[in-house]
Amino acid sequence: MADKVTLHGYRYSVYTRAVRMVLAEKRVAYDRVELDPFADNVSASHRLLHPFVRVPVLAHGDFVLYETAAITRYIDAAFNGSPLTPADPKAIARMAQVIAIVDAYGYWPLVRQVFAHRIFRPLEGETASEEEIAAGLEASRTVLAALETIACEGLVLDGETVTLADCHLAPMIDYFLRAPEGAAAIAVYPALSRWWRRISTLASLIETDPGLPAAA
């Protein structure tokens, strides 16, 4: 019997969704454990799984792994199915670069500033900050321009061949575009927009949609 796969994650987490996309692309069956890392009552058992009390965490049998990029690379290597890592060394490097850009420079402005303040906070009955949205949009320009350059090159983010970079980036762009300011910001980048039009039709992205609306 194959080792059981369990994903501990938060429904609205872009990082949990990235892992779910990879699991879907590789056709891996798994159990889900829902956990809100922002809650006040995070269980002691989860703290044992993740010392920094974040999500996602993947358990494959007795092997436990956290950090999204590590998890997605493990899934791609450990399970059958179409590879999500390119064969070409330059494309592998670009894939890793996209993931690093997204984590280091993209997540905060795209998700925690623009999306959270325009979409998520109002849904939760919390106050949004126009200053945070403006700051996120300003910071997003450099991120989007860097991704545009990579998409134009075509080694990854070509919208045709799905890689771990697509799975890492797509959930964040999806959230960003739910804000009208985000949709307007990305429209000036033709290669990135073309990539999104193609990647937004992926079954793995559609099936993992957390069900949040765009701005009214």
C-alpha atoms as a PDB file:
ATOM      1  CA  MET A   1       0.000   0.000   0.000  1.00  0.00           C
ATOM      2  CA  ALA A   2       1.318   3.423  -0.946  1.00  0.00           C
ATOM      3  CA  ASP A   3       2.141   5.859   1.830  1.00  0.00           C
ATOM      4  CA  LYS A   4      -0.711   8.217   2.654  1.00  0.00           C
ATOM      5  CA  VAL A   5      -0.374  11.844   1.559  1.00  0.00           C
ATOM      6  CA  THR A   6      -1.836  14.569   3.785  1.00  0.00           C
ATOM      7  CA  LEU A   7      -1.764  18.294   3.134  1.00  0.00           C
ATOM      8  CA  HIS A   8      -2.172  20.620   6.091  1.00  0.00           C
ATOM      9  CA  GLY A   9      -3.156  24.048   4.810  1.00  0.00           C
ATOM     10  CA  TYR A  10      -5.403  27.064   4.837  1.00  0.00           C
ATOM     11  CA  ARG A  11      -8.121  27.325   2.221  1.00  0.00           C
ATOM     12  CA  TYR A  12      -7.310  30.955   1.386  1.00  0.00           C
ATOM     13  CA  SER A  13      -3.521  30.558   1.372  1.00  0.00           C
ATOM     14  CA  VAL A  14      -1.901  31.088  -2.026  1.00  0.00           C
ATOM     15  CA  TYR A  15       0.908  28.793  -0.927  1.00  0.00           C
ATOM     16  CA  THR A  16      -1.477  25.995   0.009  1.00  0.00           C
ATOM     17  CA  ARG A  17      -3.157  26.464  -3.358  1.00  0.00           C
ATOM     18  CA  ALA A  18       0.208  26.220  -5.154  1.00  0.00           C
ATOM     19  CA  VAL A  19       0.820  22.834  -3.549  1.00  0.00           C
ATOM     20  CA  ARG A  20      -2.723  21.709  -4.363  1.00  0.00           C
ATOM     21  CA  MET A  21      -2.126  22.677  -7.998  1.00  0.00           C
ATOM     22  CA  VAL A  22       1.007  20.545  -8.141  1.00  0.00           C
ATOM     23  CA  LEU A  23      -0.782  17.616  -6.514  1.00  0.00           C
ATOM     24  CA  ALA A  24      -3.560  17.974  -9.095  1.00  0.00           C
ATOM     25  CA  GLU A  25      -1.131  18.218 -12.004  1.00  0.00           C
ATOM     26  CA  LYS A  26       0.622  15.047 -10.792  1.00  0.00           C
ATOM     27  CA  ARG A  27      -2.745  13.334 -10.080  1.00  0.00           C
ATOM     28  CA  VAL A  28      -1.815  12.555  -6.483  1.00  0.00           C
ATOM     29  CA  ALA A  29      -4.657  11.565  -4.152  1.00  0.00           C
ATOM     30  CA  TYR A  30      -4.386  13.191  -0.740  1.00  0.00           C
ATOM     31  CA  ASP A  31      -6.247  14.100   2.416  1.00  0.00           C
ATOM     32  CA  ARG A  32      -6.643  17.707   3.524  1.00  0.00           C
ATOM     33  CA  VAL A  33      -6.414  19.107   7.021  1.00  0.00           C
ATOM     34  CA  GLU A  34      -7.749  22.658   7.191  1.00  0.00           C
ATOM     35  CA  LEU A  35      -5.763  24.979   9.443  1.00  0.00           C
ATOM     36  CA  ASP A  36      -5.807  28.754   9.811  1.00  0.00           C
ATOM     37  CA  PRO A  37      -2.275  29.824  10.798  1.00  0.00           C
ATOM     38  CA  PHE A  38      -3.586  33.261  11.780  1.00  0.00           C
ATOM     39  CA  ALA A  39      -5.959  31.846  14.409  1.00  0.00           C
ATOM     40  CA  ASP A  40      -5.249  32.270  18.104  1.00  0.00           C
ATOM     41  CA  ASN A  41      -5.751  28.577  18.882  1.00  0.00           C
ATOM     42  CA  VAL A  42      -3.315  26.812  16.551  1.00  0.00           C
ATOM     43  CA  SER A  43      -2.947  23.297  17.877  1.00  0.00           C
ATOM     44  CA  ALA A  44       0.150  21.997  19.586  1.00  0.00           C
ATOM     45  CA  SER A  45       0.229  19.148  17.057  1.00  0.00           C
ATOM     46  CA  HIS A  46       0.599  21.610  14.177  1.00  0.00           C
ATOM     47  CA  ARG A  47       3.368  23.428  16.032  1.00  0.00           C
ATOM     48  CA  LEU A  48       5.216  20.122  16.068  1.00  0.00           C
ATOM     49  CA  LEU A  49       4.818  19.856  12.284  1.00  0.00           C
ATOM     50  CA  HIS A  50       5.864  23.441  11.547  1.00  0.00           C
ATOM     51  CA  PRO A  51       8.055  25.298  14.063  1.00  0.00           C
ATOM     52  CA  PHE A  52       7.165  28.646  12.472  1.00  0.00           C
ATOM     53  CA  VAL A  53       3.406  27.885  12.640  1.00  0.00           C
ATOM     54  CA  ARG A  54       2.680  28.437   8.959  1.00  0.00           C
ATOM     55  CA  VAL A  55       1.158  26.479   6.101  1.00  0.00           C
ATOM     56  CA  PRO A  56       1.345  24.367   4.048  1.00  0.00           C
ATOM     57  CA  VAL A  57       2.799  21.200   5.510  1.00  0.00           C
ATOM     58  CA  LEU A  58       2.935  17.950   3.539  1.00  0.00           C
ATOM     59  CA  ALA A  59       3.063  14.550   5.176  1.00  0.00           C
ATOM     60  CA  HIS A  60       3.916  11.578   2.954  1.00  0.00           C
ATOM     61  CA  GLY A  61       3.886   8.571   5.205  1.00  0.00           C
ATOM     62  CA  ASP A  62       6.220   9.491   8.045  1.00  0.00           C
ATOM     63  CA  PHE A  63       8.063  12.093   5.959  1.00  0.00           C
ATOM     64  CA  VAL A  64       6.975  15.634   6.906  1.00  0.00           C
ATOM     65  CA  LEU A  65       7.967  18.685   4.889  1.00  0.00           C
ATOM     66  CA  TYR A  66       7.235  22.398   5.069  1.00  0.00           C
ATOM     67  CA  GLU A  67       8.101  25.393   2.842  1.00  0.00           C
ATOM     68  CA  THR A  68       6.148  25.520  -0.401  1.00  0.00           C
ATOM     69  CA  ALA A  69       9.034  25.417  -2.881  1.00  0.00           C
ATOM     70  CA  ALA A  70      10.500  22.388  -1.115  1.00  0.00           C
ATOM     71  CA  ILE A  71       7.116  20.648  -1.051  1.00  0.00           C
ATOM     72  CA  THR A  72       6.348  21.204  -4.726  1.00  0.00           C
ATOM     73  CA  ARG A  73       9.790  20.015  -5.816  1.00  0.00           C
ATOM     74  CA  TYR A  74       9.410  16.929  -3.672  1.00  0.00           C
ATOM     75  CA  ILE A  75       5.991  16.103  -5.143  1.00  0.00           C
ATOM     76  CA  ASP A  76       7.316  16.531  -8.668  1.00  0.00           C
ATOM     77  CA  ALA A  77      10.237  14.196  -7.970  1.00  0.00           C
ATOM     78  CA  ALA A  78       8.426  11.638  -5.819  1.00  0.00           C
ATOM     79  CA  PHE A  79       5.335  10.939  -7.909  1.00  0.00           C
ATOM     80  CA  ASN A  80       4.635   9.783 -11.443  1.00  0.00           C
ATOM     81  CA  GLY A  81       3.041  12.008 -14.048  1.00  0.00           C
ATOM     82  CA  SER A  82       4.183  14.713 -16.400  1.00  0.00           C
ATOM     83  CA  PRO A  83       7.278  16.445 -15.011  1.00  0.00           C
ATOM     84  CA  LEU A  84       6.820  20.017 -13.788  1.00  0.00           C
ATOM     85  CA  THR A  85      10.549  20.726 -13.825  1.00  0.00           C
ATOM     86  CA  PRO A  86      12.067  21.498 -17.238  1.00  0.00           C
ATOM     87  CA  ALA A  87      14.933  19.439 -18.627  1.00  0.00           C
ATOM     88  CA  ASP A  88      16.944  22.404 -19.898  1.00  0.00           C
ATOM     89  CA  PRO A  89      19.343  23.840 -17.265  1.00  0.00           C
ATOM     90  CA  LYS A  90      18.539  27.419 -18.262  1.00  0.00           C
ATOM     91  CA  ALA A  91      14.816  26.778 -17.938  1.00  0.00           C
ATOM     92  CA  ILE A  92      15.374  25.136 -14.538  1.00  0.00           C
ATOM     93  CA  ALA A  93      17.257  28.235 -13.416  1.00  0.00           C
ATOM     94  CA  ARG A  94      14.483  30.529 -14.679  1.00  0.00           C
ATOM     95  CA  MET A  95      11.887  28.418 -12.881  1.00  0.00           C
ATOM     96  CA  ALA A  96      13.788  28.765  -9.633  1.00  0.00           C
ATOM     97  CA  GLN A  97      14.217  32.488 -10.294  1.00  0.00           C
ATOM     98  CA  VAL A  98      10.483  33.035 -10.772  1.00  0.00           C
ATOM     99  CA  ILE A  99       9.724  31.228  -7.508  1.00  0.00           C
ATOM    100  CA  ALA A 100      12.343  33.293  -5.692  1.00  0.00           C
ATOM    101  CA  ILE A 101      11.022  36.567  -7.142  1.00  0.00           C
ATOM    102  CA  VAL A 102       7.485  35.677  -6.149  1.00  0.00           C
ATOM    103  CA  ASP A 103       8.460  34.746  -2.591  1.00  0.00           C
ATOM    104  CA  ALA A 104      10.886  37.581  -1.925  1.00  0.00           C
ATOM    105  CA  TYR A 105       9.253  40.472  -3.773  1.00  0.00           C
ATOM    106  CA  GLY A 106       5.802  39.488  -5.039  1.00  0.00           C
ATOM    107  CA  TYR A 107       3.791  37.951  -2.223  1.00  0.00           C
ATOM    108  CA  TRP A 108       3.615  40.979   0.033  1.00  0.00           C
ATOM    109  CA  PRO A 109       2.519  43.653  -2.473  1.00  0.00           C
ATOM    110  CA  LEU A 110       0.333  41.422  -4.651  1.00  0.00           C
ATOM    111  CA  VAL A 111      -1.403  39.462  -1.908  1.00  0.00           C
ATOM    112  CA  ARG A 112      -0.966  41.058   1.508  1.00  0.00           C
ATOM    113  CA  GLN A 113      -1.355  44.625   0.310  1.00  0.00           C
ATOM    114  CA  VAL A 114      -3.477  44.871  -2.851  1.00  0.00           C
ATOM    115  CA  PHE A 115      -5.606  41.727  -2.548  1.00  0.00           C
ATOM    116  CA  ALA A 116      -5.952  41.640   1.226  1.00  0.00           C
ATOM    117  CA  HIS A 117      -6.936  45.278   1.553  1.00  0.00           C
ATOM    118  CA  ARG A 118      -9.174  45.508  -1.501  1.00  0.00           C
ATOM    119  CA  ILE A 119     -10.849  42.078  -1.248  1.00  0.00           C
ATOM    120  CA  PHE A 120     -10.165  39.969   1.824  1.00  0.00           C
ATOM    121  CA  ARG A 121     -10.315  42.471   4.665  1.00  0.00           C
ATOM    122  CA  PRO A 122     -13.702  43.907   3.627  1.00  0.00           C
ATOM    123  CA  LEU A 123     -15.111  40.371   3.369  1.00  0.00           C
ATOM    124  CA  GLU A 124     -13.939  39.727   6.927  1.00  0.00           C
ATOM    125  CA  GLY A 125     -15.479  42.975   8.152  1.00  0.00           C
ATOM    126  CA  GLU A 126     -12.075  44.561   8.678  1.00  0.00           C
ATOM    127  CA  THR A 127     -10.880  47.989   7.644  1.00  0.00           C
ATOM    128  CA  ALA A 128      -8.951  48.285   4.376  1.00  0.00           C
ATOM    129  CA  SER A 129      -6.136  50.774   3.894  1.00  0.00           C
ATOM    130  CA  GLU A 130      -5.949  52.749   0.668  1.00  0.00           C
ATOM    131  CA  GLU A 131      -2.363  53.591   1.588  1.00  0.00           C
ATOM    132  CA  GLU A 132      -1.451  49.902   1.716  1.00  0.00           C
ATOM    133  CA  ILE A 133      -3.121  49.308  -1.641  1.00  0.00           C
ATOM    134  CA  ALA A 134      -1.226  52.214  -3.191  1.00  0.00           C
ATOM    135  CA  ALA A 135       2.068  50.990  -1.730  1.00  0.00           C
ATOM    136  CA  GLY A 136       1.398  47.486  -3.020  1.00  0.00           C
ATOM    137  CA  LEU A 137       0.632  48.737  -6.506  1.00  0.00           C
ATOM    138  CA  GLU A 138       3.832  50.772  -6.538  1.00  0.00           C
ATOM    139  CA  ALA A 139       5.932  47.793  -5.456  1.00  0.00           C
ATOM    140  CA  SER A 140       4.129  45.467  -7.862  1.00  0.00           C
ATOM    141  CA  ARG A 141       5.398  47.351 -10.903  1.00  0.00           C
ATOM    142  CA  THR A 142       8.958  46.113 -10.456  1.00  0.00           C
ATOM    143  CA  VAL A 143       7.726  42.571  -9.829  1.00  0.00           C
ATOM    144  CA  LEU A 144       5.464  42.516 -12.881  1.00  0.00           C
ATOM    145  CA  ALA A 145       8.159  44.042 -15.084  1.00  0.00           C
ATOM    146  CA  ALA A 146      10.652  41.362 -14.009  1.00  0.00           C
ATOM    147  CA  LEU A 147       8.126  38.606 -14.721  1.00  0.00           C
ATOM    148  CA  GLU A 148       7.293  40.196 -18.078  1.00  0.00           C
ATOM    149  CA  THR A 149      10.949  39.979 -19.097  1.00  0.00           C
ATOM    150  CA  ILE A 150      11.039  36.296 -18.173  1.00  0.00           C
ATOM    151  CA  ALA A 151       7.748  35.563 -19.941  1.00  0.00           C
ATOM    152  CA  CYS A 152       9.027  37.314 -23.083  1.00  0.00           C
ATOM    153  CA  GLU A 153      12.138  35.134 -23.058  1.00  0.00           C
ATOM    154  CA  GLY A 154       9.941  32.038 -23.130  1.00  0.00           C
ATOM    155  CA  LEU A 155      11.996  29.515 -21.172  1.00  0.00           C
ATOM    156  CA  VAL A 156       9.222  29.412 -18.567  1.00  0.00           C
ATOM    157  CA  LEU A 157       5.893  31.250 -18.163  1.00  0.00           C
ATOM    158  CA  ASP A 158       5.098  30.504 -21.793  1.00  0.00           C
ATOM    159  CA  GLY A 159       1.520  29.485 -21.009  1.00  0.00           C
ATOM    160  CA  GLU A 160       2.005  26.184 -22.818  1.00  0.00           C
ATOM    161  CA  THR A 161       4.279  23.999 -20.685  1.00  0.00           C
ATOM    162  CA  VAL A 162       3.262  23.927 -17.022  1.00  0.00           C
ATOM    163  CA  THR A 163       6.133  24.111 -14.548  1.00  0.00           C
ATOM    164  CA  LEU A 164       6.457  24.607 -10.817  1.00  0.00           C
ATOM    165  CA  ALA A 165       6.910  28.312 -11.564  1.00  0.00           C
ATOM    166  CA  ASP A 166       3.397  28.504 -13.024  1.00  0.00           C
ATOM    167  CA  CYS A 167       1.906  26.746 -10.014  1.00  0.00           C
ATOM    168  CA  HIS A 168       3.748  29.054  -7.626  1.00  0.00           C
ATOM    169  CA  LEU A 169       2.821  32.260  -9.419  1.00  0.00           C
ATOM    170  CA  ALA A 170      -0.726  31.615 -10.627  1.00  0.00           C
ATOM    171  CA  PRO A 171      -2.492  31.736  -7.225  1.00  0.00           C
ATOM    172  CA  MET A 172      -0.921  35.113  -6.454  1.00  0.00           C
ATOM    173  CA  ILE A 173      -1.786  36.608  -9.827  1.00  0.00           C
ATOM    174  CA  ASP A 174      -5.330  35.268  -9.472  1.00  0.00           C
ATOM    175  CA  TYR A 175      -5.752  37.113  -6.163  1.00  0.00           C
ATOM    176  CA  PHE A 176      -4.073  40.259  -7.478  1.00  0.00           C
ATOM    177  CA  LEU A 177      -6.395  40.401 -10.482  1.00  0.00           C
ATOM    178  CA  ARG A 178      -9.510  40.227  -8.295  1.00  0.00           C
ATOM    179  CA  ALA A 179      -8.744  43.819  -7.358  1.00  0.00           C
ATOM    180  CA  PRO A 180      -9.562  46.202 -10.225  1.00  0.00           C
ATOM    181  CA  GLU A 181      -6.272  47.996  -9.630  1.00  0.00           C
ATOM    182  CA  GLY A 182      -4.415  44.710 -10.076  1.00  0.00           C
ATOM    183  CA  ALA A 183      -6.206  43.917 -13.325  1.00  0.00           C
ATOM    184  CA  ALA A 184      -5.322  47.364 -14.650  1.00  0.00           C
ATOM    185  CA  ALA A 185      -1.694  47.012 -13.545  1.00  0.00           C
ATOM    186  CA  ILE A 186      -1.069  43.730 -15.333  1.00  0.00           C
ATOM    187  CA  ALA A 187      -2.796  44.821 -18.551  1.00  0.00           C
ATOM    188  CA  VAL A 188       0.254  46.826 -19.645  1.00  0.00           C
ATOM    189  CA  TYR A 189       2.424  43.686 -19.727  1.00  0.00           C
ATOM    190  CA  PRO A 190       1.475  41.748 -22.891  1.00  0.00           C
ATOM    191  CA  ALA A 191       3.554  38.596 -22.353  1.00  0.00           C
ATOM    192  CA  LEU A 192       2.428  38.231 -18.757  1.00  0.00           C
ATOM    193  CA  SER A 193      -1.185  38.891 -19.760  1.00  0.00           C
ATOM    194  CA  ARG A 194      -0.923  36.265 -22.502  1.00  0.00           C
ATOM    195  CA  TRP A 195       0.530  33.820 -19.982  1.00  0.00           C
ATOM    196  CA  TRP A 196      -2.382  34.467 -17.615  1.00  0.00           C
ATOM    197  CA  ARG A 197      -5.057  34.017 -20.273  1.00  0.00           C
ATOM    198  CA  ARG A 198      -3.684  30.539 -20.950  1.00  0.00           C
ATOM    199  CA  ILE A 199      -2.819  29.483 -17.401  1.00  0.00           C
ATOM    200  CA  SER A 200      -6.155  30.683 -16.007  1.00  0.00           C
ATOM    201  CA  THR A 201      -7.869  27.858 -17.909  1.00  0.00           C
ATOM    202  CA  LEU A 202      -5.857  25.116 -16.162  1.00  0.00           C
ATOM    203  CA  ALA A 203      -8.089  22.597 -14.441  1.00  0.00           C
ATOM    204  CA  SER A 204      -5.686  22.523 -11.484  1.00  0.00           C
ATOM    205  CA  LEU A 205      -6.159  26.268 -10.949  1.00  0.00           C
ATOM    206  CA  ILE A 206      -9.920  26.210 -11.422  1.00  0.00           C
ATOM    207  CA  GLU A 207     -10.435  23.198  -9.153  1.00  0.00           C
ATOM    208  CA  THR A 208      -8.475  24.830  -6.310  1.00  0.00           C
ATOM    209  CA  ASP A 209     -10.303  28.169  -6.444  1.00  0.00           C
ATOM    210  CA  PRO A 210     -11.018  29.147  -2.810  1.00  0.00           C
ATOM    211  CA  GLY A 211     -14.296  30.793  -3.817  1.00  0.00           C
ATOM    212  CA  LEU A 212     -13.513  34.404  -3.049  1.00  0.00           C
ATOM    213  CA  PRO A 213     -15.180  37.060  -5.216  1.00  0.00           C
ATOM    214  CA  ALA A 214     -13.585  39.879  -7.125  1.00  0.00           C
ATOM    215  CA  ALA A 215     -14.202  43.425  -5.947  1.00  0.00           C
ATOM    216  CA  ALA A 216     -17.760  44.624  -6.433  1.00  0.00           C
END
